[in-house]
């Protein structure tokens, strides 16, 4: 039946480990996957069997060749750092990656911002840049999602005026490459909670 979801199946053991994996984004062709894996906190940046990272939570890349997913690798380029990177959202053309990075230091209130990186011709990801300050507030931005049009970005924020808690906002990229002021999606999507 077309209106029924199939039975969920786990990704193969070379992708899923006994450690923490999640927050995936899949390319439009369904054959490239970027996901987040977190270290076991032992201090040796262990992210599971045959997997190393740069610290905390990193993004990893795997590609489906035939029916098999390749062994994941730490996302090539300069995206991952010793801090927390998570919640990736890949553009429909597979060339732009939005994600959330924790930017607060120990002892400070939690602050995370949205960053963007571009896929370079050599297959590496560029050094990410934060979105402008009218989008990234002094508090948490998270749960970023780029629409398939590549110009509409949805995200949650605790730092913009909202209805309470964390609200969902939208911003749009204009022809000159500027992001619009974030718009609260309003009730009933956002509530006092």
C-alpha atoms as a PDB file:
ATOM      1  CA  UNK A   1       0.000   0.000   0.000  1.00  0.00           C
ATOM      2  CA  UNK A   2       1.448   3.383  -1.005  1.00  0.00           C
ATOM      3  CA  UNK A   3       0.099   5.077   2.119  1.00  0.00           C
ATOM      4  CA  UNK A   4       1.925   2.771   4.526  1.00  0.00           C
ATOM      5  CA  UNK A   5       5.495   3.024   5.785  1.00  0.00           C
ATOM      6  CA  UNK A   6       7.543  -0.157   5.564  1.00  0.00           C
ATOM      7  CA  UNK A   7       9.192  -1.793   8.550  1.00  0.00           C
ATOM      8  CA  UNK A   8      12.219   0.219   9.668  1.00  0.00           C
ATOM      9  CA  UNK A   9      15.565  -1.483   9.175  1.00  0.00           C
ATOM     10  CA  UNK A  10      18.799  -0.392  10.840  1.00  0.00           C
ATOM     11  CA  UNK A  11      21.673   0.857   8.743  1.00  0.00           C
ATOM     12  CA  UNK A  12      24.417  -1.777   8.417  1.00  0.00           C
ATOM     13  CA  UNK A  13      26.918  -2.299  11.252  1.00  0.00           C
ATOM     14  CA  UNK A  14      29.656  -0.352   9.461  1.00  0.00           C
ATOM     15  CA  UNK A  15      27.405   2.743   9.829  1.00  0.00           C
ATOM     16  CA  UNK A  16      25.667   1.977  13.135  1.00  0.00           C
ATOM     17  CA  UNK A  17      27.955   1.119  16.032  1.00  0.00           C
ATOM     18  CA  UNK A  18      27.420   0.562  19.742  1.00  0.00           C
ATOM     19  CA  UNK A  19      28.135   4.280  20.155  1.00  0.00           C
ATOM     20  CA  UNK A  20      25.924   7.260  19.297  1.00  0.00           C
ATOM     21  CA  UNK A  21      24.964   7.911  15.652  1.00  0.00           C
ATOM     22  CA  UNK A  22      22.115  10.101  14.434  1.00  0.00           C
ATOM     23  CA  UNK A  23      20.940  13.324  12.780  1.00  0.00           C
ATOM     24  CA  UNK A  24      21.330  12.124   9.178  1.00  0.00           C
ATOM     25  CA  UNK A  25      20.858  14.065   5.951  1.00  0.00           C
ATOM     26  CA  UNK A  26      20.644  12.195   2.672  1.00  0.00           C
ATOM     27  CA  UNK A  27      21.445  13.438  -0.825  1.00  0.00           C
ATOM     28  CA  UNK A  28      18.594  13.807  -3.305  1.00  0.00           C
ATOM     29  CA  UNK A  29      19.811  10.709  -5.191  1.00  0.00           C
ATOM     30  CA  UNK A  30      19.464   8.621  -2.011  1.00  0.00           C
ATOM     31  CA  UNK A  31      23.036   7.335  -2.310  1.00  0.00           C
ATOM     32  CA  UNK A  32      25.103   9.732  -0.156  1.00  0.00           C
ATOM     33  CA  UNK A  33      24.550  10.118   3.558  1.00  0.00           C
ATOM     34  CA  UNK A  34      26.044  12.561   6.051  1.00  0.00           C
ATOM     35  CA  UNK A  35      25.350  11.682   9.676  1.00  0.00           C
ATOM     36  CA  UNK A  36      26.584  12.574  13.126  1.00  0.00           C
ATOM     37  CA  UNK A  37      28.571  10.284  15.393  1.00  0.00           C
ATOM     38  CA  UNK A  38      29.737  11.157  18.882  1.00  0.00           C
ATOM     39  CA  UNK A  39      32.903   9.949  20.560  1.00  0.00           C
ATOM     40  CA  UNK A  40      32.872   7.604  23.516  1.00  0.00           C
ATOM     41  CA  UNK A  41      34.376  10.426  25.635  1.00  0.00           C
ATOM     42  CA  UNK A  42      37.450   8.316  26.481  1.00  0.00           C
ATOM     43  CA  UNK A  43      39.715  11.092  25.266  1.00  0.00           C
ATOM     44  CA  UNK A  44      41.040   9.146  22.262  1.00  0.00           C
ATOM     45  CA  UNK A  45      38.343  10.358  19.820  1.00  0.00           C
ATOM     46  CA  UNK A  46      36.912   6.871  19.350  1.00  0.00           C
ATOM     47  CA  UNK A  47      33.741   6.979  17.245  1.00  0.00           C
ATOM     48  CA  UNK A  48      33.306   3.248  16.778  1.00  0.00           C
ATOM     49  CA  UNK A  49      35.202   0.521  14.962  1.00  0.00           C
ATOM     50  CA  UNK A  50      37.534   1.851  12.226  1.00  0.00           C
ATOM     51  CA  UNK A  51      36.302   5.405  12.846  1.00  0.00           C
ATOM     52  CA  UNK A  52      38.130   8.421  14.252  1.00  0.00           C
ATOM     53  CA  UNK A  53      37.113  12.038  14.574  1.00  0.00           C
ATOM     54  CA  UNK A  54      38.234  15.411  15.786  1.00  0.00           C
ATOM     55  CA  UNK A  55      36.356  15.627  19.092  1.00  0.00           C
ATOM     56  CA  UNK A  56      32.902  15.565  20.676  1.00  0.00           C
ATOM     57  CA  UNK A  57      30.332  14.987  17.896  1.00  0.00           C
ATOM     58  CA  UNK A  58      31.486  15.012  14.257  1.00  0.00           C
ATOM     59  CA  UNK A  59      29.862  14.541  10.880  1.00  0.00           C
ATOM     60  CA  UNK A  60      30.689  11.446   8.841  1.00  0.00           C
ATOM     61  CA  UNK A  61      30.092  10.525   5.209  1.00  0.00           C
ATOM     62  CA  UNK A  62      29.084   7.240   3.568  1.00  0.00           C
ATOM     63  CA  UNK A  63      28.037   6.423   0.007  1.00  0.00           C
ATOM     64  CA  UNK A  64      25.887   3.581  -1.293  1.00  0.00           C
ATOM     65  CA  UNK A  65      27.673   1.530  -3.945  1.00  0.00           C
ATOM     66  CA  UNK A  66      25.240  -1.013  -5.344  1.00  0.00           C
ATOM     67  CA  UNK A  67      23.490  -2.382  -2.266  1.00  0.00           C
ATOM     68  CA  UNK A  68      26.384  -1.679   0.147  1.00  0.00           C
ATOM     69  CA  UNK A  69      27.139   1.445   2.182  1.00  0.00           C
ATOM     70  CA  UNK A  70      30.865   2.281   2.277  1.00  0.00           C
ATOM     71  CA  UNK A  71      32.708   2.512   5.576  1.00  0.00           C
ATOM     72  CA  UNK A  72      32.001   6.013   6.932  1.00  0.00           C
ATOM     73  CA  UNK A  73      34.785   8.596   6.968  1.00  0.00           C
ATOM     74  CA  UNK A  74      35.090  11.820   8.903  1.00  0.00           C
ATOM     75  CA  UNK A  75      33.621  14.463   6.604  1.00  0.00           C
ATOM     76  CA  UNK A  76      36.508  15.532   4.334  1.00  0.00           C
ATOM     77  CA  UNK A  77      37.662  19.135   4.704  1.00  0.00           C
ATOM     78  CA  UNK A  78      37.447  21.640   7.513  1.00  0.00           C
ATOM     79  CA  UNK A  79      33.922  21.208   8.872  1.00  0.00           C
ATOM     80  CA  UNK A  80      34.619  19.135  11.983  1.00  0.00           C
ATOM     81  CA  UNK A  81      36.509  20.591  14.932  1.00  0.00           C
ATOM     82  CA  UNK A  82      37.207  19.534  18.546  1.00  0.00           C
ATOM     83  CA  UNK A  83      33.808  21.043  19.459  1.00  0.00           C
ATOM     84  CA  UNK A  84      30.274  19.741  18.762  1.00  0.00           C
ATOM     85  CA  UNK A  85      29.009  19.665  15.155  1.00  0.00           C
ATOM     86  CA  UNK A  86      25.581  18.198  14.485  1.00  0.00           C
ATOM     87  CA  UNK A  87      22.196  18.433  12.752  1.00  0.00           C
ATOM     88  CA  UNK A  88      23.372  18.539   9.112  1.00  0.00           C
ATOM     89  CA  UNK A  89      21.082  19.522   6.242  1.00  0.00           C
ATOM     90  CA  UNK A  90      22.348  18.973   2.695  1.00  0.00           C
ATOM     91  CA  UNK A  91      21.077  21.055  -0.219  1.00  0.00           C
ATOM     92  CA  UNK A  92      19.253  19.267  -3.053  1.00  0.00           C
ATOM     93  CA  UNK A  93      22.278  19.632  -5.366  1.00  0.00           C
ATOM     94  CA  UNK A  94      24.552  18.125  -2.672  1.00  0.00           C
ATOM     95  CA  UNK A  95      26.957  21.091  -2.781  1.00  0.00           C
ATOM     96  CA  UNK A  96      25.951  23.120   0.277  1.00  0.00           C
ATOM     97  CA  UNK A  97      25.826  21.842   3.845  1.00  0.00           C
ATOM     98  CA  UNK A  98      24.129  23.655   6.713  1.00  0.00           C
ATOM     99  CA  UNK A  99      24.734  22.414  10.240  1.00  0.00           C
ATOM    100  CA  UNK A 100      24.780  23.462  13.888  1.00  0.00           C
ATOM    101  CA  UNK A 101      27.954  24.000  15.918  1.00  0.00           C
ATOM    102  CA  UNK A 102      28.153  24.629  19.642  1.00  0.00           C
ATOM    103  CA  UNK A 103      29.971  27.918  20.090  1.00  0.00           C
ATOM    104  CA  UNK A 104      29.761  28.495  23.854  1.00  0.00           C
ATOM    105  CA  UNK A 105      32.649  27.703  26.118  1.00  0.00           C
ATOM    106  CA  UNK A 106      32.577  25.648  29.294  1.00  0.00           C
ATOM    107  CA  UNK A 107      30.759  27.467  32.085  1.00  0.00           C
ATOM    108  CA  UNK A 108      28.846  29.754  29.677  1.00  0.00           C
ATOM    109  CA  UNK A 109      25.165  29.387  28.764  1.00  0.00           C
ATOM    110  CA  UNK A 110      24.662  26.960  25.872  1.00  0.00           C
ATOM    111  CA  UNK A 111      24.929  28.753  22.529  1.00  0.00           C
ATOM    112  CA  UNK A 112      24.843  27.003  19.178  1.00  0.00           C
ATOM    113  CA  UNK A 113      24.836  28.630  15.755  1.00  0.00           C
ATOM    114  CA  UNK A 114      24.068  27.667  12.173  1.00  0.00           C
ATOM    115  CA  UNK A 115      27.063  27.342   9.842  1.00  0.00           C
ATOM    116  CA  UNK A 116      27.339  26.734   6.101  1.00  0.00           C
ATOM    117  CA  UNK A 117      30.071  24.949   4.111  1.00  0.00           C
ATOM    118  CA  UNK A 118      30.437  24.378   0.369  1.00  0.00           C
ATOM    119  CA  UNK A 119      31.665  21.293  -1.462  1.00  0.00           C
ATOM    120  CA  UNK A 120      34.888  22.138  -3.294  1.00  0.00           C
ATOM    121  CA  UNK A 121      35.959  20.711  -6.661  1.00  0.00           C
ATOM    122  CA  UNK A 122      38.508  18.469  -4.904  1.00  0.00           C
ATOM    123  CA  UNK A 123      35.767  16.712  -2.859  1.00  0.00           C
ATOM    124  CA  UNK A 124      36.666  18.505   0.385  1.00  0.00           C
ATOM    125  CA  UNK A 125      34.254  20.729   2.298  1.00  0.00           C
ATOM    126  CA  UNK A 126      35.216  24.381   2.713  1.00  0.00           C
ATOM    127  CA  UNK A 127      35.887  26.028   6.032  1.00  0.00           C
ATOM    128  CA  UNK A 128      32.380  26.752   7.324  1.00  0.00           C
ATOM    129  CA  UNK A 129      31.149  30.239   8.015  1.00  0.00           C
ATOM    130  CA  UNK A 130      28.406  31.204  10.474  1.00  0.00           C
ATOM    131  CA  UNK A 131      25.180  32.624   9.132  1.00  0.00           C
ATOM    132  CA  UNK A 132      24.743  36.367   9.829  1.00  0.00           C
ATOM    133  CA  UNK A 133      24.077  37.698  13.334  1.00  0.00           C
ATOM    134  CA  UNK A 134      20.458  38.553  12.477  1.00  0.00           C
ATOM    135  CA  UNK A 135      19.937  34.776  12.187  1.00  0.00           C
ATOM    136  CA  UNK A 136      22.422  33.467  14.783  1.00  0.00           C
ATOM    137  CA  UNK A 137      21.376  34.916  18.128  1.00  0.00           C
ATOM    138  CA  UNK A 138      23.342  34.849  21.419  1.00  0.00           C
ATOM    139  CA  UNK A 139      21.316  31.748  22.384  1.00  0.00           C
ATOM    140  CA  UNK A 140      20.654  28.382  20.709  1.00  0.00           C
ATOM    141  CA  UNK A 141      19.886  27.955  17.030  1.00  0.00           C
ATOM    142  CA  UNK A 142      19.302  24.332  16.069  1.00  0.00           C
ATOM    143  CA  UNK A 143      17.405  21.857  13.862  1.00  0.00           C
ATOM    144  CA  UNK A 144      18.359  23.563  10.607  1.00  0.00           C
ATOM    145  CA  UNK A 145      16.708  22.430   7.351  1.00  0.00           C
ATOM    146  CA  UNK A 146      17.381  23.747   3.849  1.00  0.00           C
ATOM    147  CA  UNK A 147      14.358  23.477   1.546  1.00  0.00           C
ATOM    148  CA  UNK A 148      14.917  21.727  -1.826  1.00  0.00           C
ATOM    149  CA  UNK A 149      14.744  25.177  -3.491  1.00  0.00           C
ATOM    150  CA  UNK A 150      18.135  25.950  -1.853  1.00  0.00           C
ATOM    151  CA  UNK A 151      16.908  29.410  -0.800  1.00  0.00           C
ATOM    152  CA  UNK A 152      14.497  28.753   2.077  1.00  0.00           C
ATOM    153  CA  UNK A 153      15.966  27.826   5.448  1.00  0.00           C
ATOM    154  CA  UNK A 154      13.992  26.635   8.468  1.00  0.00           C
ATOM    155  CA  UNK A 155      15.491  26.510  11.948  1.00  0.00           C
ATOM    156  CA  UNK A 156      14.604  26.506  15.631  1.00  0.00           C
ATOM    157  CA  UNK A 157      15.783  29.251  17.944  1.00  0.00           C
ATOM    158  CA  UNK A 158      15.629  30.208  21.610  1.00  0.00           C
ATOM    159  CA  UNK A 159      17.151  33.630  20.941  1.00  0.00           C
ATOM    160  CA  UNK A 160      14.609  35.295  18.653  1.00  0.00           C
ATOM    161  CA  UNK A 161      11.346  36.757  19.913  1.00  0.00           C
ATOM    162  CA  UNK A 162       8.879  33.925  19.943  1.00  0.00           C
ATOM    163  CA  UNK A 163       5.908  32.401  21.654  1.00  0.00           C
ATOM    164  CA  UNK A 164       7.952  30.598  24.327  1.00  0.00           C
ATOM    165  CA  UNK A 165      10.718  28.023  24.552  1.00  0.00           C
ATOM    166  CA  UNK A 166      12.227  27.206  21.183  1.00  0.00           C
ATOM    167  CA  UNK A 167      10.243  28.366  18.124  1.00  0.00           C
ATOM    168  CA  UNK A 168      10.585  27.511  14.438  1.00  0.00           C
ATOM    169  CA  UNK A 169      11.568  30.301  12.046  1.00  0.00           C
ATOM    170  CA  UNK A 170      12.114  30.703   8.300  1.00  0.00           C
ATOM    171  CA  UNK A 171      14.564  32.904   6.401  1.00  0.00           C
ATOM    172  CA  UNK A 172      14.998  33.264   2.639  1.00  0.00           C
ATOM    173  CA  UNK A 173      18.069  33.939   0.506  1.00  0.00           C
ATOM    174  CA  UNK A 174      17.573  36.777  -1.996  1.00  0.00           C
ATOM    175  CA  UNK A 175      19.131  37.151  -5.463  1.00  0.00           C
ATOM    176  CA  UNK A 176      22.042  39.140  -3.975  1.00  0.00           C
ATOM    177  CA  UNK A 177      22.915  36.354  -1.506  1.00  0.00           C
ATOM    178  CA  UNK A 178      21.428  38.014   1.596  1.00  0.00           C
ATOM    179  CA  UNK A 179      19.278  36.201   4.143  1.00  0.00           C
ATOM    180  CA  UNK A 180      15.981  37.851   5.123  1.00  0.00           C
ATOM    181  CA  UNK A 181      15.037  38.645   8.702  1.00  0.00           C
ATOM    182  CA  UNK A 182      13.793  35.425  10.339  1.00  0.00           C
ATOM    183  CA  UNK A 183      10.006  35.040  10.425  1.00  0.00           C
ATOM    184  CA  UNK A 184       8.311  33.135  13.240  1.00  0.00           C
ATOM    185  CA  UNK A 185       6.053  30.436  11.740  1.00  0.00           C
ATOM    186  CA  UNK A 186       3.413  31.279  14.347  1.00  0.00           C
ATOM    187  CA  UNK A 187       0.619  29.275  15.894  1.00  0.00           C
ATOM    188  CA  UNK A 188      -0.263  26.364  15.668  1.00  0.00           C
ATOM    189  CA  UNK A 189       3.279  25.302  14.710  1.00  0.00           C
ATOM    190  CA  UNK A 190       4.786  27.333  17.554  1.00  0.00           C
ATOM    191  CA  UNK A 191       3.171  27.525  20.989  1.00  0.00           C
ATOM    192  CA  UNK A 192       4.023  28.848  24.425  1.00  0.00           C
ATOM    193  CA  UNK A 193       5.958  25.612  24.938  1.00  0.00           C
END
